[in-house]
Protein backbone atom coordinates (compact mmCIF):
# COMPACT_ATOMS: atom_id res chain seq x y z
CA UNK A 1 0.00 0.00 0.00
CA UNK A 2 1.23 3.47 -0.89
CA UNK A 3 2.63 5.29 2.18
CA UNK A 4 0.55 8.42 1.48
CA UNK A 5 -2.64 6.37 1.12
CA UNK A 6 -1.86 4.60 4.40
CA UNK A 7 -1.46 7.97 6.16
CA UNK A 8 -4.74 9.26 4.71
CA UNK A 9 -6.59 6.13 5.86
CA UNK A 10 -4.99 6.27 9.31
CA UNK A 11 -5.69 9.98 9.81
CA UNK A 12 -9.25 9.75 8.50
CA UNK A 13 -10.00 7.04 11.05
CA UNK A 14 -8.25 8.99 13.80
CA UNK A 15 -10.21 12.15 12.96
CA UNK A 16 -13.47 10.18 12.76
CA UNK A 17 -14.22 11.11 9.13
CA UNK A 18 -17.23 9.37 7.61
CA UNK A 19 -16.77 7.20 4.52
CA UNK A 20 -19.42 6.05 2.06
CA UNK A 21 -19.93 3.47 -0.63
CA UNK A 22 -22.17 4.07 -3.64
CA UNK A 23 -23.75 1.82 -6.24
CA UNK A 24 -22.57 2.94 -9.69
CA UNK A 25 -25.71 1.43 -11.26
CA UNK A 26 -28.67 2.69 -9.20
CA UNK A 27 -27.12 5.30 -6.85
CA UNK A 28 -27.75 3.44 -3.55
CA UNK A 29 -25.66 5.03 -0.75
CA UNK A 30 -24.37 3.52 2.47
CA UNK A 31 -22.33 5.05 5.28
CA UNK A 32 -19.56 2.97 6.81
CA UNK A 33 -20.64 1.48 10.13
CA UNK A 34 -18.63 1.76 13.31
CA UNK A 35 -18.74 0.08 16.67
CA UNK A 36 -17.07 1.37 19.87
CA UNK A 37 -14.95 -1.12 21.79
CA UNK A 38 -15.01 0.04 25.39
CA UNK A 39 -12.15 -2.14 26.59
CA UNK A 40 -9.59 -0.88 24.07
CA UNK A 41 -11.23 2.57 23.64
CA UNK A 42 -11.23 2.39 19.82
CA UNK A 43 -13.75 2.29 17.00
CA UNK A 44 -14.01 -0.73 14.73
CA UNK A 45 -15.16 0.13 11.21
CA UNK A 46 -17.13 -2.20 8.95
CA UNK A 47 -19.20 -2.27 5.78
CA UNK A 48 -22.70 -3.75 5.97
CA UNK A 49 -22.84 -4.80 2.30
CA UNK A 50 -20.37 -5.60 -0.47
CA UNK A 51 -23.09 -5.61 -3.13
CA UNK A 52 -26.01 -3.26 -3.61
CA UNK A 53 -29.14 -4.57 -1.83
CA UNK A 54 -31.33 -2.96 -4.52
CA UNK A 55 -29.74 -4.14 -7.78
CA UNK A 56 -26.86 -6.48 -6.86
CA UNK A 57 -24.04 -4.38 -8.39
CA UNK A 58 -20.70 -4.21 -6.51
CA UNK A 59 -20.58 -1.03 -4.38
CA UNK A 60 -17.82 1.53 -5.02
CA UNK A 61 -15.91 2.50 -1.86
CA UNK A 62 -13.27 4.69 -3.42
CA UNK A 63 -12.44 6.78 -6.46
CA UNK A 64 -11.80 4.47 -9.42
CA UNK A 65 -8.97 6.75 -10.58
CA UNK A 66 -6.89 7.42 -7.41
CA UNK A 67 -8.47 5.08 -4.80
CA UNK A 68 -9.29 7.95 -2.38
CA UNK A 69 -12.19 7.31 0.01
CA UNK A 70 -15.64 8.65 -0.85
CA UNK A 71 -16.20 11.19 1.93
CA UNK A 72 -19.57 12.56 0.81
CA UNK A 73 -22.41 10.79 -1.00
CA UNK A 74 -23.37 14.08 -2.68
CA UNK A 75 -19.88 14.70 -4.14
CA UNK A 76 -19.78 14.92 -7.92
CA UNK A 77 -16.01 14.61 -8.21
CA UNK A 78 -13.10 13.20 -6.23
CA UNK A 79 -11.56 15.74 -3.80
CA UNK A 80 -8.09 14.23 -4.36
CA UNK A 81 -7.74 13.94 -8.16
CA UNK A 82 -10.70 16.04 -9.36
CA UNK A 83 -12.08 13.38 -11.70
CA UNK A 84 -15.87 13.21 -11.96
CA UNK A 85 -17.25 10.02 -10.43
CA UNK A 86 -18.60 7.60 -13.08
CA UNK A 87 -21.97 7.25 -11.32
CA UNK A 88 -22.71 10.99 -11.54
CA UNK A 89 -25.30 11.56 -14.27
């Protein structure tokens, strides 16, 4: 994994930034789930679905161009590379 990408992932989790996954076919959106572990005082992050529950398409979790996380379901373009997301009509 690229060192910069690792730092971005680490800092985004540390800063409690929300991440989303979006269906490129029908537009279904899902926020990443998190669960607090009291004993270790950390959040555990998880995705509820790998495939869209509405149409069955694989959900996109990152920019297809630069692999940056999707930080807003309303975003029309990637904040890192500026490329328009393919699911934006």
